[in-house]
Protein backbone atom coordinates (compact mmCIF):
# COMPACT_ATOMS: atom_id res chain seq x y z
CA MET A 1 -3.75 -1.96 19.73
CA LYS A 2 -3.00 -0.32 16.36
CA LYS A 3 -5.25 2.12 14.54
CA PHE A 4 -5.90 1.60 10.83
CA LEU A 5 -7.54 4.13 8.54
CA LEU A 6 -9.47 2.68 5.59
CA ALA A 7 -10.16 5.47 3.12
CA LEU A 8 -13.32 4.81 1.09
CA ASP A 9 -14.24 6.78 -2.02
CA GLY A 10 -17.93 5.90 -2.02
CA SER A 11 -17.72 3.47 -4.94
CA GLU A 12 -17.36 -0.27 -5.43
CA HIS A 13 -13.62 0.38 -6.06
CA SER A 14 -13.23 0.62 -2.27
CA LEU A 15 -14.56 -2.83 -1.44
CA PRO A 16 -11.52 -4.95 -2.44
CA ALA A 17 -9.36 -2.88 -0.07
CA VAL A 18 -11.84 -3.53 2.75
CA GLU A 19 -11.97 -7.25 1.96
CA TYR A 20 -8.17 -7.36 1.92
CA ALA A 21 -7.96 -5.61 5.29
CA ALA A 22 -10.53 -8.03 6.73
CA HIS A 23 -8.26 -10.97 5.85
CA VAL A 24 -4.88 -9.45 6.72
CA LEU A 25 -5.27 -7.21 9.79
CA PRO A 26 -5.27 -8.78 13.28
CA ARG A 27 -8.90 -8.93 14.44
CA THR A 28 -8.36 -8.38 18.15
CA ASP A 29 -5.41 -5.97 17.96
CA SER A 30 -6.76 -3.51 15.37
CA GLU A 31 -9.04 -0.51 15.62
CA VAL A 32 -10.39 0.26 12.15
CA ILE A 33 -11.88 3.58 11.07
CA LEU A 34 -13.79 3.58 7.78
CA TYR A 35 -13.34 7.10 6.47
CA HIS A 36 -14.97 9.02 3.64
CA VAL A 37 -14.60 12.62 2.51
CA HIS A 38 -17.95 13.76 1.12
CA SER A 39 -17.72 16.26 -1.73
CA ARG A 40 -20.87 18.32 -1.55
CA ILE A 41 -22.21 20.37 -4.45
CA PRO A 42 -20.09 23.55 -4.56
CA GLU A 43 -21.78 26.61 -3.04
CA LEU A 44 -21.10 28.37 -6.33
CA TYR A 45 -24.10 26.54 -7.79
CA TRP A 46 -26.39 27.79 -5.04
CA ASP A 47 -25.12 31.35 -5.51
CA MET A 48 -25.97 31.42 -9.22
CA GLU A 49 -28.35 34.13 -10.36
CA PRO A 50 -31.80 32.54 -10.95
CA LYS A 51 -32.58 32.12 -14.63
CA SER A 52 -34.95 30.09 -16.72
CA GLY A 53 -34.89 26.49 -15.50
CA TYR A 54 -32.88 27.37 -12.37
CA ASP A 55 -35.29 25.71 -9.92
CA TYR A 56 -35.43 22.56 -12.04
CA TRP A 57 -31.64 22.13 -12.18
CA MET A 58 -31.16 23.02 -8.52
CA SER A 59 -33.66 20.37 -7.49
CA LYS A 60 -31.84 17.86 -9.71
CA LEU A 61 -28.50 18.71 -8.11
CA GLN A 62 -29.93 18.48 -4.62
CA LYS A 63 -31.48 15.09 -5.38
CA PHE A 64 -28.12 13.91 -6.80
CA GLU A 65 -26.31 14.96 -3.62
CA GLU A 66 -28.86 13.20 -1.41
CA ASP A 67 -28.68 10.00 -3.48
CA HIS A 68 -24.90 10.05 -3.48
CA LEU A 69 -24.75 10.49 0.27
CA LYS A 70 -27.10 7.54 0.75
CA THR A 71 -24.92 5.42 -1.56
CA VAL A 72 -21.84 6.34 0.47
CA LYS A 73 -23.52 5.49 3.77
CA ASP A 74 -24.74 2.17 2.40
CA LEU A 75 -21.24 1.30 1.20
CA MET A 76 -19.70 2.25 4.55
CA GLU A 77 -22.19 0.04 6.35
CA LYS A 78 -21.46 -2.80 3.90
CA SER A 79 -17.73 -2.33 4.57
CA ARG A 80 -18.34 -2.34 8.32
CA GLN A 81 -20.31 -5.57 8.03
CA THR A 82 -17.48 -7.14 6.02
CA LEU A 83 -15.12 -6.51 8.93
CA LEU A 84 -17.61 -7.74 11.53
CA ASN A 85 -18.19 -10.91 9.52
CA ALA A 86 -14.42 -11.45 9.68
CA ASP A 87 -14.67 -11.41 13.51
CA PHE A 88 -13.46 -7.87 14.15
CA TYR A 89 -14.85 -6.56 17.43
CA GLU A 90 -17.87 -4.33 16.94
CA ASN A 91 -16.46 -1.73 19.31
CA HIS A 92 -13.22 -1.64 17.27
CA VAL A 93 -14.83 -0.70 13.94
CA PHE A 94 -16.04 2.87 13.37
CA MET A 95 -17.42 4.90 10.49
CA LYS A 96 -16.38 8.51 9.97
CA LEU A 97 -17.93 10.65 7.24
CA GLU A 98 -16.81 14.27 6.88
CA ASN A 99 -17.59 17.03 4.43
CA ARG A 100 -14.74 18.05 2.17
CA LYS A 101 -12.60 20.85 3.59
CA ALA A 102 -9.22 21.41 1.93
CA GLY A 103 -9.69 18.73 -0.74
CA VAL A 104 -10.22 14.96 -0.70
CA ALA A 105 -6.53 14.01 -0.71
CA ARG A 106 -5.57 16.72 1.80
CA ASP A 107 -8.42 15.75 4.11
CA ILE A 108 -7.45 12.07 4.01
CA SER A 109 -3.82 12.99 4.72
CA ALA A 110 -4.84 15.23 7.63
CA GLU A 111 -6.94 12.47 9.18
CA ALA A 112 -4.20 9.89 8.62
CA LYS A 113 -1.81 11.97 10.71
CA GLN A 114 -4.03 11.61 13.80
CA GLY A 115 -2.21 8.67 15.35
CA TYR A 116 -2.85 5.91 12.81
CA HIS A 117 -0.46 3.03 12.24
CA THR A 118 -1.39 2.48 8.58
CA LEU A 119 -3.53 4.10 5.90
CA VAL A 120 -5.20 1.54 3.62
CA MET A 121 -6.80 2.62 0.35
CA GLY A 122 -7.50 1.40 -3.15
CA ARG A 123 -5.21 2.45 -5.97
CA LEU A 124 -8.06 3.65 -8.20
CA GLY A 125 -10.98 5.81 -7.14
CA ALA A 126 -14.55 6.44 -8.27
CA GLY A 127 -13.44 8.65 -11.13
CA ALA A 128 -10.55 6.44 -12.17
CA VAL A 129 -9.49 6.08 -15.77
CA LYS A 130 -8.56 2.42 -16.25
CA GLU A 131 -5.68 3.25 -18.57
CA LEU A 132 -3.97 5.28 -15.84
CA PRO A 133 -1.99 3.23 -13.30
CA LEU A 134 -2.62 5.40 -10.23
CA GLY A 135 -5.69 7.42 -9.22
CA SER A 136 -5.16 11.14 -8.59
CA VAL A 137 -6.28 11.01 -4.94
CA ALA A 138 -4.05 8.01 -4.15
CA ASN A 139 -1.13 9.70 -5.90
CA LYS A 140 -1.55 12.93 -3.93
CA VAL A 141 -1.89 11.08 -0.63
CA LEU A 142 1.15 8.97 -1.48
CA ASN A 143 3.30 12.05 -1.86
CA SER A 144 1.94 13.96 1.15
CA ILE A 145 2.50 11.45 3.97
CA SER A 146 5.99 10.54 5.15
CA ASP A 147 5.64 9.43 8.77
CA MET A 148 3.22 6.50 8.65
CA ASN A 149 2.71 3.20 6.86
CA LEU A 150 0.72 3.08 3.63
CA CYS A 151 -1.02 0.11 2.05
CA ILE A 152 -2.21 0.66 -1.52
CA VAL A 153 -4.47 -2.14 -2.79
CA ALA A 154 -4.69 -2.86 -6.51
CA GLY A 155 -7.38 -5.31 -7.57
CA ARG A 156 -8.06 -8.33 -5.34
CA PRO A 157 -4.82 -9.63 -3.83
CA GLU A 158 -4.17 -13.13 -2.55
CA THR A 159 -3.69 -12.90 1.24
CA GLN A 160 -1.69 -15.96 2.34
CA LYS A 161 1.61 -15.24 0.60
CA LEU A 162 3.79 -12.24 1.45
CA MET A 163 7.02 -10.84 0.07
CA ILE A 164 9.39 -8.57 1.97
CA ALA A 165 11.67 -6.73 -0.46
CA LEU A 166 14.89 -6.10 1.48
CA ASP A 167 17.93 -4.00 0.63
CA GLY A 168 19.66 -3.80 4.00
CA SER A 169 18.30 -0.34 4.85
CA VAL A 170 16.62 0.49 8.16
CA ASN A 171 13.39 1.25 6.27
CA SER A 172 13.24 -2.16 4.63
CA MET A 173 13.82 -3.89 7.99
CA ARG A 174 10.82 -2.03 9.37
CA SER A 175 8.80 -3.98 6.82
CA VAL A 176 9.83 -7.10 8.72
CA ASP A 177 8.44 -5.64 11.95
CA THR A 178 5.13 -4.84 10.23
CA VAL A 179 4.83 -8.43 9.01
CA CYS A 180 5.62 -9.58 12.56
CA PHE A 181 2.62 -7.59 13.82
CA LEU A 182 0.36 -9.14 11.17
CA LYS A 183 1.15 -12.60 12.58
CA ARG A 184 -1.42 -11.85 15.25
CA VAL A 185 -4.16 -12.81 12.79
CA ARG A 186 -5.70 -15.95 14.22
CA GLY A 187 -5.04 -19.07 12.13
CA ALA A 188 -2.78 -17.27 9.66
CA ASN A 189 -0.13 -19.68 8.37
CA ARG A 190 1.34 -17.42 5.75
CA LYS A 191 4.25 -18.11 3.43
CA ILE A 192 6.90 -15.38 3.44
CA LEU A 193 9.53 -14.70 0.79
CA LEU A 194 12.52 -12.53 1.69
CA PHE A 195 13.64 -11.09 -1.63
CA HIS A 196 16.50 -8.99 -2.94
CA ALA A 197 17.23 -7.89 -6.50
CA MET A 198 20.65 -6.70 -7.67
CA ARG A 199 20.78 -4.40 -10.66
CA ARG A 200 23.28 -4.85 -13.42
CA MET A 201 25.87 -2.09 -13.74
CA GLY A 202 24.27 -0.74 -16.88
CA TYR A 203 27.08 -1.38 -19.34
CA PRO A 204 26.62 -3.14 -22.70
CA ALA A 205 26.89 -6.90 -22.91
CA PHE A 206 30.38 -7.85 -21.74
CA GLY A 207 32.87 -9.00 -24.31
CA VAL A 208 36.62 -9.13 -24.08
CA GLY A 209 39.36 -6.60 -23.73
CA LYS A 210 38.34 -3.31 -22.18
CA PHE A 211 35.09 -4.66 -20.66
CA GLU A 212 36.74 -7.51 -18.76
CA PRO A 213 37.71 -5.35 -15.72
CA ILE A 214 34.13 -4.05 -15.51
CA LYS A 215 32.71 -7.56 -15.58
CA ALA A 216 35.13 -8.64 -12.85
CA LEU A 217 34.15 -5.63 -10.74
CA GLU A 218 30.47 -6.45 -11.16
CA GLU A 219 31.02 -10.06 -10.07
CA GLN A 220 32.89 -8.84 -6.99
CA MET A 221 30.06 -6.44 -6.15
CA TYR A 222 27.50 -9.23 -6.52
CA GLN A 223 29.47 -11.46 -4.18
CA GLU A 224 29.90 -8.77 -1.51
CA ASN A 225 26.27 -7.74 -1.78
CA GLU A 226 25.09 -11.34 -1.52
CA GLU A 227 27.14 -11.90 1.63
CA ALA A 228 25.71 -8.74 3.19
CA MET A 229 22.13 -9.67 2.22
CA ASN A 230 22.45 -13.19 3.62
CA ALA A 231 23.19 -11.59 7.00
CA VAL A 232 20.14 -9.32 6.56
CA PHE A 233 18.00 -12.36 5.70
CA GLU A 234 19.15 -14.15 8.86
CA GLU A 235 18.18 -11.17 11.02
CA ALA A 236 14.80 -10.91 9.27
CA LYS A 237 14.14 -14.63 9.73
CA SER A 238 15.07 -14.38 13.41
CA ARG A 239 12.53 -11.60 13.97
CA LEU A 240 9.79 -13.44 12.08
CA ILE A 241 10.36 -16.70 13.97
CA ARG A 242 10.24 -14.83 17.30
CA ALA A 243 6.90 -13.36 16.20
CA GLY A 244 5.51 -16.86 15.70
CA TYR A 245 6.08 -17.67 12.04
CA SER A 246 7.38 -21.15 11.24
CA GLU A 247 10.89 -21.37 9.81
CA LYS A 248 9.67 -23.77 7.12
CA ASP A 249 7.28 -21.07 5.84
CA ILE A 250 10.10 -18.54 5.29
CA SER A 251 12.16 -18.66 2.10
CA THR A 252 14.80 -16.38 0.62
CA LYS A 253 15.82 -15.46 -2.91
CA ILE A 254 18.41 -13.19 -4.52
CA VAL A 255 18.37 -12.37 -8.23
CA LYS A 256 21.30 -10.71 -9.98
CA GLY A 257 21.78 -8.54 -13.01
CA VAL A 258 18.20 -7.27 -13.38
CA PRO A 259 17.60 -4.11 -15.44
CA SER A 260 14.74 -2.98 -13.15
CA ARG A 261 14.34 -3.87 -9.49
CA PRO A 262 10.61 -3.00 -9.28
CA ARG A 263 9.86 -5.19 -12.30
CA ALA A 264 11.99 -8.00 -10.83
CA VAL A 265 10.00 -7.79 -7.57
CA LEU A 266 6.66 -7.88 -9.37
CA ALA A 267 7.74 -10.67 -11.71
CA GLU A 268 8.69 -12.84 -8.72
CA ALA A 269 5.42 -12.00 -6.98
CA VAL A 270 3.44 -13.05 -10.06
CA ALA A 271 5.48 -16.24 -10.49
CA GLN A 272 4.79 -17.29 -6.88
CA ASN A 273 1.23 -15.91 -6.67
CA ILE A 274 2.19 -13.50 -3.89
CA GLY A 275 -0.47 -10.92 -3.06
CA SER A 276 1.30 -8.61 -0.59
CA ILE A 277 4.64 -6.85 -1.08
CA PHE A 278 6.31 -4.99 1.79
CA VAL A 279 8.94 -2.39 0.96
CA GLY A 280 10.66 0.48 2.77
CA ARG A 281 9.66 4.03 1.88
CA GLN A 282 13.22 4.79 0.83
CA GLY A 283 16.21 2.55 0.39
CA ILE A 284 19.86 2.99 1.26
CA THR A 285 20.29 5.84 -1.22
CA GLN A 286 17.72 8.16 0.34
CA THR A 287 16.90 11.49 -1.24
CA GLU A 288 15.34 13.84 1.29
CA GLU A 289 13.51 15.93 -1.30
CA TYR A 290 11.24 12.97 -2.10
CA ARG A 291 8.71 11.61 0.36
CA ILE A 292 8.68 8.22 -1.30
CA GLY A 293 11.39 6.33 -3.13
CA ARG A 294 11.31 5.48 -6.82
CA ILE A 295 10.95 1.73 -6.24
CA PRO A 296 7.78 1.87 -4.07
CA HIS A 297 6.19 4.37 -6.44
CA LYS A 298 6.95 2.15 -9.43
CA LEU A 299 5.61 -0.92 -7.66
CA ILE A 300 2.31 0.79 -6.95
CA SER A 301 2.00 2.00 -10.53
CA LEU A 302 2.66 -1.43 -12.07
CA ALA A 303 1.02 -3.79 -9.56
CA GLU A 304 -2.04 -5.86 -10.44
CA ASN A 305 -4.03 -7.78 -7.82
CA THR A 306 -1.37 -6.85 -5.30
CA ALA A 307 -1.24 -4.85 -2.08
CA ILE A 308 1.88 -2.72 -1.74
CA TRP A 309 2.85 -1.89 1.84
CA ILE A 310 5.21 1.06 2.27
CA THR A 311 6.72 1.14 5.73
CA SER A 312 7.68 4.41 7.32
CA ASP A 313 10.69 5.44 9.36
CA GLY A 314 8.42 7.44 11.65
CA LEU A 315 7.00 4.44 13.53
């Protein structure tokens, strides 16, 4: 049994993440906690010195808080019903509503560290600005948690096609294990793409003379990398088949010479109508100062109608 935390912001933005979880998470092997941090009216307002119109505005604020709380509770119940309608066990789905303590993002992060397998949340929140690619709460949570899986849902993803972006690192192989667990969804015959993108070396277009050795070196690197990744693909396929996936539903692809690996991943996902992308928190070139690698962060920022799973090395 794995515990999943679904962070709800009290708005309709939360519902696609709940609907996604209802289709993707194993019904009988998941305990789901619907979680909301309630931001009450700051006490500062109640401590204000009474002036003309004070009682009127205080009553308005109090009514607003009561209405908002009712809206949140209604949405949590609607989310709970979505999971029950998807055949989740009633005694495996819980609602948890807490008043804000240290801040919405900090409170979500603190709750997520209480033994959960994965935190699932929408990319944009109730106060989201559509022009911005990542909501402030999601961004803060993303950079505060390093020892658990994260699933950031953008829009309404397709749920039957998955991509595992592999680079040969331990973190990326943990993505394979997460997808193996998701096989426990009854009746799920998902298509899986094992994908790897090789960057170009970053030099100008190759010509003759002095650039020839660089081009030859790049071709050698591509060949060695491809041989190494084919071995990684075989190991990944072996794990997936043992978990119950059919070999005919697993495909592999390597692209070479791309200027941006995140954009190459997303372009392939769009081309094949893939709704879920699994990626390691950090790749082979880990930088300890950062809790999340550049590629996962870029994927989350650019994704549309896609769920980005970031697998942790702490599980």
